Amino acid sequence: MAWPAHGDADSAPLPTRPGGLWSPPARPTEPRTSGFGPTVFDVAVNAVPVALCFLGVTALVFAAAPRATTAFGFGLVGTAFVWQIVGSAIDAPQWSLDLTPFAHVAPVPAQGMNVAAALVLAALGLAGCVAAVETAARRDPQEA
């Protein structure tokens, strides 16, 4: 195989840029959106309600049985994630796929955020945290 001539991008085995490998990247031809399109912040905020939901459940387990917290927390996240992947692959019933919080997270750059599901997941997480505080306060009474 002969090496392509310099600048012959059609037959080059590696992706090339005009001006060579060390040339600066070209400037974008389209201006950035003015806040109406998905941004990195929108994508990051999309995962917060699921994290709050798992935090609330794990905090409640910590308040009730502290030694089981790690196994339960990681087991819950792992089981939910694996069921989301495997359940979709084997065409499991939709109601069983909807049991995992990951089913309610929209792929934000491709679709808009599912605000109703995000609020429900965040509310469940916050309710779990409040219940954990109450459970821990009853379990560990402090004398004045």
Protein backbone atom coordinates (compact mmCIF):
# COMPACT_ATOMS: atom_id res chain seq x y z
CA MET A 1 0.00 0.00 0.00
CA ALA A 2 1.40 3.35 -0.98
CA TRP A 3 1.03 6.30 1.33
CA PRO A 4 -1.30 8.99 0.05
CA ALA A 5 0.16 12.21 -1.21
CA HIS A 6 0.13 15.19 1.16
CA GLY A 7 -3.31 16.79 1.06
CA ASP A 8 -5.00 13.77 -0.56
CA ALA A 9 -7.71 13.43 2.10
CA ASP A 10 -9.88 11.00 0.11
CA SER A 11 -7.41 8.14 0.38
CA ALA A 12 -5.87 8.98 3.74
CA PRO A 13 -6.00 6.16 6.30
CA LEU A 14 -6.42 8.60 9.20
CA PRO A 15 -8.70 11.59 9.56
CA THR A 16 -6.89 14.73 8.50
CA ARG A 17 -7.49 18.44 8.76
CA PRO A 18 -6.57 21.02 6.19
CA GLY A 19 -3.22 22.48 7.14
CA GLY A 20 -1.86 19.33 8.78
CA LEU A 21 -2.17 17.59 12.12
CA TRP A 22 -0.88 20.47 14.25
CA SER A 23 -3.07 23.16 12.75
CA PRO A 24 -5.61 24.80 15.07
CA PRO A 25 -9.17 23.50 14.78
CA ALA A 26 -11.48 25.36 12.49
CA ARG A 27 -13.88 27.87 13.99
CA PRO A 28 -17.47 26.72 14.23
CA THR A 29 -19.60 27.86 11.34
CA GLU A 30 -22.79 28.15 13.39
CA PRO A 31 -23.16 30.44 16.39
CA ARG A 32 -23.98 28.88 19.74
CA THR A 33 -27.61 28.75 20.73
CA SER A 34 -28.85 31.50 22.96
CA GLY A 35 -30.01 29.24 25.78
CA PHE A 36 -32.91 27.58 24.01
CA GLY A 37 -31.08 24.39 23.05
CA PRO A 38 -29.74 21.75 25.43
CA THR A 39 -26.58 22.78 27.21
CA VAL A 40 -24.20 20.92 29.47
CA PHE A 41 -26.11 22.29 32.45
CA ASP A 42 -29.40 20.85 31.14
CA VAL A 43 -27.82 17.44 30.66
CA ALA A 44 -26.29 17.47 34.15
CA VAL A 45 -29.50 18.59 35.84
CA ASN A 46 -31.34 15.71 34.18
CA ALA A 47 -29.51 13.19 36.41
CA VAL A 48 -30.09 15.01 39.72
CA PRO A 49 -33.63 13.70 40.42
CA VAL A 50 -32.54 10.08 40.02
CA ALA A 51 -29.59 10.69 42.34
CA LEU A 52 -31.92 12.32 44.89
CA CYS A 53 -34.28 9.36 44.70
CA PHE A 54 -31.50 6.86 45.40
CA LEU A 55 -30.10 9.14 48.11
CA GLY A 56 -33.46 9.27 49.88
CA VAL A 57 -33.93 5.51 49.86
CA THR A 58 -30.34 4.86 50.96
CA ALA A 59 -30.56 7.48 53.71
CA LEU A 60 -33.69 5.80 55.02
CA VAL A 61 -31.88 2.46 55.09
CA PHE A 62 -28.97 4.12 56.89
CA ALA A 63 -31.31 5.49 59.54
CA ALA A 64 -32.95 2.10 60.07
CA ALA A 65 -30.03 -0.33 59.60
CA PRO A 66 -26.66 1.42 59.21
CA ARG A 67 -24.65 -1.74 58.53
CA ALA A 68 -26.77 -2.65 55.52
CA THR A 69 -26.48 0.75 53.86
CA THR A 70 -23.60 0.09 51.49
CA ALA A 71 -24.86 -3.25 50.22
CA PHE A 72 -28.42 -2.00 49.88
CA GLY A 73 -27.49 1.31 48.22
CA PHE A 74 -25.11 -0.11 45.64
CA GLY A 75 -27.32 -3.15 45.16
CA LEU A 76 -30.35 -0.99 44.47
CA VAL A 77 -28.56 1.21 41.93
CA GLY A 78 -26.94 -1.78 40.25
CA THR A 79 -30.13 -3.81 40.10
CA ALA A 80 -32.12 -0.89 38.70
CA PHE A 81 -29.51 -0.18 36.04
CA VAL A 82 -29.06 -3.81 35.02
CA TRP A 83 -32.83 -4.34 34.86
CA GLN A 84 -33.19 -1.26 32.68
CA ILE A 85 -30.63 -2.67 30.21
CA VAL A 86 -31.61 -6.36 30.34
CA GLY A 87 -35.34 -5.70 30.53
CA SER A 88 -35.22 -3.58 27.38
CA ALA A 89 -33.15 -6.22 25.61
CA ILE A 90 -35.58 -9.05 26.37
CA ASP A 91 -38.71 -6.97 25.75
CA ALA A 92 -39.95 -7.17 29.33
CA PRO A 93 -43.39 -5.72 30.08
CA GLN A 94 -43.40 -1.93 30.21
CA TRP A 95 -44.76 -1.81 33.77
CA SER A 96 -41.70 -3.71 35.01
CA LEU A 97 -39.33 -1.38 33.16
CA ASP A 98 -41.12 1.62 34.66
CA LEU A 99 -40.16 0.43 38.16
CA THR A 100 -36.59 1.68 37.72
CA PRO A 101 -35.91 5.40 38.08
CA PHE A 102 -33.63 5.21 35.04
CA ALA A 103 -36.68 4.63 32.84
CA HIS A 104 -37.90 8.14 33.63
CA VAL A 105 -34.75 9.97 32.60
CA ALA A 106 -35.07 11.42 29.11
CA PRO A 107 -32.05 11.52 26.79
CA VAL A 108 -31.81 15.29 27.09
CA PRO A 109 -29.80 16.27 24.05
CA ALA A 110 -32.16 14.26 21.85
CA GLN A 111 -35.40 15.04 23.72
CA GLY A 112 -36.64 17.54 26.23
CA MET A 113 -36.40 16.83 29.95
CA ASN A 114 -39.33 14.95 31.48
CA VAL A 115 -40.13 17.58 34.12
CA ALA A 116 -43.04 15.74 35.73
CA ALA A 117 -41.00 12.57 36.28
CA ALA A 118 -38.06 14.62 37.53
CA LEU A 119 -40.23 16.38 40.11
CA VAL A 120 -41.75 13.09 41.30
CA LEU A 121 -38.31 11.45 41.65
CA ALA A 122 -36.93 14.49 43.49
CA ALA A 123 -39.96 14.56 45.79
CA LEU A 124 -39.53 10.85 46.58
CA GLY A 125 -35.88 11.44 47.36
CA LEU A 126 -36.57 14.40 49.60
CA ALA A 127 -39.37 12.50 51.37
CA GLY A 128 -36.94 9.64 51.96
CA CYS A 129 -34.40 12.06 53.43
CA VAL A 130 -37.01 13.59 55.75
CA ALA A 131 -38.15 10.13 56.84
CA ALA A 132 -34.51 9.18 57.45
CA VAL A 133 -34.00 12.17 59.72
CA GLU A 134 -37.14 11.30 61.68
CA THR A 135 -36.15 7.63 61.93
CA ALA A 136 -32.64 8.47 63.08
CA ALA A 137 -33.98 10.95 65.66
CA ARG A 138 -36.24 8.26 67.15
CA ARG A 139 -33.47 5.66 67.08
CA ASP A 140 -30.81 7.86 68.66
CA PRO A 141 -32.49 10.01 71.33
CA GLN A 142 -30.28 12.73 72.78
CA GLU A 143 -30.55 13.89 76.34
CA ALA A 144 -30.68 17.61 77.02
